[in-house]
Protein backbone atom coordinates (compact mmCIF):
# COMPACT_ATOMS: atom_id res chain seq x y z
CA MET A 1 0.38 0.20 -0.03
CA LYS A 2 2.78 2.51 1.35
CA ASP A 3 4.65 1.60 -2.24
CA LEU A 4 1.38 1.59 -4.57
CA ARG A 5 2.35 4.53 -7.20
CA LEU A 6 -0.50 6.61 -8.24
CA GLN A 7 -0.59 9.66 -11.19
CA GLY A 8 -1.85 12.43 -9.75
CA VAL A 9 -1.65 16.64 -9.49
CA ASP A 10 0.56 18.34 -7.51
CA GLN A 11 -0.09 21.41 -5.55
CA ASP A 12 0.94 23.53 -8.30
CA GLY A 13 -1.10 21.75 -10.63
CA LYS A 14 1.83 19.59 -12.51
CA GLU A 15 1.05 16.00 -13.27
CA LYS A 16 3.26 13.52 -10.96
CA GLU A 17 3.70 10.11 -9.72
CA PHE A 18 3.01 9.91 -6.11
CA SER A 19 3.64 6.98 -3.37
CA LEU A 20 2.67 7.37 0.05
CA ASN A 21 6.40 6.64 0.76
CA ASP A 22 7.06 10.13 -0.72
CA PHE A 23 5.62 11.29 2.49
CA ARG A 24 7.21 9.40 5.27
CA GLY A 25 8.41 11.61 7.70
CA GLN A 26 5.33 13.95 7.59
CA LYS A 27 1.64 13.52 8.76
CA VAL A 28 -0.96 13.44 5.61
CA ILE A 29 -4.89 14.12 5.69
CA LEU A 30 -5.83 11.77 3.11
CA TYR A 31 -9.60 12.17 1.89
CA PHE A 32 -11.34 9.76 -0.49
CA TYR A 33 -14.39 11.37 -2.39
CA PRO A 34 -16.29 9.94 -4.77
CA LYS A 35 -16.00 12.54 -7.85
CA ASP A 36 -14.60 15.58 -9.29
CA ASN A 37 -17.06 18.39 -9.69
CA THR A 38 -19.92 16.96 -8.10
CA SER A 39 -21.86 19.18 -5.15
CA GLY A 40 -20.71 17.46 -1.93
CA CYS A 41 -17.07 16.47 -3.52
CA THR A 42 -16.67 20.47 -4.41
CA GLN A 43 -17.67 21.60 -0.96
CA GLU A 44 -15.69 19.17 0.84
CA ALA A 45 -12.60 20.13 -1.26
CA CYS A 46 -13.17 24.08 -1.04
CA ASP A 47 -13.63 23.64 2.57
CA PHE A 48 -10.05 21.43 2.63
CA ARG A 49 -8.95 24.12 0.45
CA ASP A 50 -10.10 27.65 2.41
CA ASN A 51 -8.47 25.69 5.61
CA LEU A 52 -5.25 24.78 4.12
CA ASN A 53 -3.03 27.00 6.11
CA ARG A 54 -4.77 26.33 9.25
CA LEU A 55 -4.03 21.92 7.66
CA THR A 56 -0.83 22.29 6.61
CA GLN A 57 1.02 23.84 9.98
CA TYR A 58 0.20 19.93 10.88
CA ALA A 59 -0.24 17.33 7.98
CA THR A 60 -0.23 17.30 4.26
CA VAL A 61 -3.38 17.29 2.56
CA ILE A 62 -3.80 14.34 -0.31
CA GLY A 63 -7.78 14.19 -1.98
CA VAL A 64 -7.79 10.76 -3.96
CA SER A 65 -10.71 9.95 -6.16
CA PRO A 66 -11.03 7.17 -9.06
CA ASP A 67 -11.37 10.28 -11.31
CA SER A 68 -8.57 10.20 -14.54
CA VAL A 69 -5.59 13.00 -13.86
CA LYS A 70 -7.29 14.83 -16.72
CA SER A 71 -10.71 15.02 -14.73
CA HIS A 72 -8.41 16.51 -11.68
CA LEU A 73 -6.31 19.02 -13.51
CA LYS A 74 -10.30 20.67 -14.55
CA PHE A 75 -11.23 20.58 -11.17
CA LYS A 76 -8.16 21.66 -9.62
CA GLU A 77 -8.37 24.92 -12.15
CA LYS A 78 -11.85 25.53 -11.64
CA GLN A 79 -11.95 25.57 -7.87
CA ASN A 80 -8.35 26.85 -7.62
CA LEU A 81 -7.09 23.95 -5.36
CA ASN A 82 -4.01 24.45 -3.67
CA PHE A 83 -3.26 20.59 -2.32
CA ILE A 84 -2.61 16.91 -4.19
CA LEU A 85 -5.63 15.34 -5.87
CA LEU A 86 -4.35 11.36 -6.61
CA SER A 87 -5.85 9.74 -9.48
CA ASP A 88 -7.16 6.17 -8.00
CA VAL A 89 -8.33 4.70 -11.38
CA GLU A 90 -7.71 1.19 -10.72
CA HIS A 91 -9.25 2.06 -7.27
CA ALA A 92 -5.82 -0.06 -5.34
CA LEU A 93 -5.40 2.64 -2.81
CA ALA A 94 -9.16 2.81 -2.15
CA ASP A 95 -9.03 -1.21 -1.70
CA ALA A 96 -6.37 -0.69 0.52
CA PHE A 97 -7.78 1.40 3.19
CA GLY A 98 -11.33 -0.43 2.49
CA VAL A 99 -13.03 2.57 0.92
CA TRP A 100 -14.26 0.78 -2.20
CA VAL A 101 -17.33 -0.40 -1.40
CA GLU A 102 -20.87 -1.41 -2.02
CA LYS A 103 -23.36 1.88 -2.44
CA SER A 104 -27.07 2.14 -3.57
CA LEU A 105 -28.50 4.38 -5.02
CA TYR A 106 -32.43 3.91 -5.94
CA GLY A 107 -32.16 0.83 -5.65
CA ARG A 108 -29.46 0.18 -7.58
CA LYS A 109 -26.13 -1.35 -6.38
CA TYR A 110 -23.15 -0.39 -7.48
CA MET A 111 -19.20 -0.24 -6.74
CA GLY A 112 -17.62 3.17 -5.72
CA ILE A 113 -15.63 5.61 -3.05
CA GLU A 114 -17.27 5.80 0.72
CA ARG A 115 -16.67 9.43 1.56
CA SER A 116 -13.26 8.76 4.17
CA THR A 117 -10.69 10.72 5.77
CA PHE A 118 -7.61 9.55 7.43
CA VAL A 119 -4.32 11.15 9.28
CA LEU A 120 -1.62 9.08 8.41
CA ASP A 121 1.25 9.59 11.06
CA GLU A 122 5.24 10.26 10.45
CA HIS A 123 5.55 6.56 9.90
CA LEU A 124 2.55 6.39 7.87
CA ASN A 125 0.31 4.58 10.26
CA ILE A 126 -3.62 5.84 10.63
CA VAL A 127 -4.12 7.55 13.62
CA LYS A 128 -7.51 8.65 12.83
CA GLU A 129 -10.09 7.66 10.45
CA TRP A 130 -13.90 9.03 9.44
CA ARG A 131 -16.12 6.87 7.78
CA LYS A 132 -19.18 7.65 5.88
CA VAL A 133 -18.27 11.58 6.37
CA LYS A 134 -20.78 14.41 6.28
CA VAL A 135 -19.40 17.30 4.66
CA LYS A 136 -20.68 20.05 6.46
CA GLY A 137 -18.04 20.95 9.41
CA HIS A 138 -15.86 17.78 8.55
CA VAL A 139 -12.86 19.97 8.31
CA ASP A 140 -13.14 21.88 11.44
CA GLU A 141 -13.12 17.97 12.90
CA VAL A 142 -9.88 17.22 11.38
CA ILE A 143 -8.53 20.53 12.22
CA GLU A 144 -9.63 19.94 16.01
CA PHE A 145 -8.42 16.62 16.12
CA LEU A 146 -4.66 17.36 14.93
CA HIS A 147 -5.14 20.75 17.18
CA SER A 148 -5.36 18.49 20.17
CA GLN A 149 -2.60 16.01 18.94
CA ALA A 150 0.16 18.85 18.97
């Protein structure tokens, strides 16, 4: 899992390959979201964007979805996002974190991302997780947790 390599977009909007191992030695906020440019995911990304200075004093923020790098580039540009987005098209990272799950919409079952956030320590161990995240107020919860650990 930690040496899994994924294509993504860095905080400056450049395409790059990433591995969680690249972040060893620093805390990481790894948040999984279902889809670029949908209302809930846009709100969540903008909440992370707007609070980035409050978050980066504790950890690096990384967003992950099954969207393509091309989709991430458009999403990042449209929303002026200032953190890393990873493209988990094969949902390998989502599987590793147990967030690629069966979902249901209007009685139709399908596989997708369960909106979740993980805080990883400097050794990339999970120290906190939120599953089935409700977007409203979530980033404040993450900040509160990080502040309590400082």
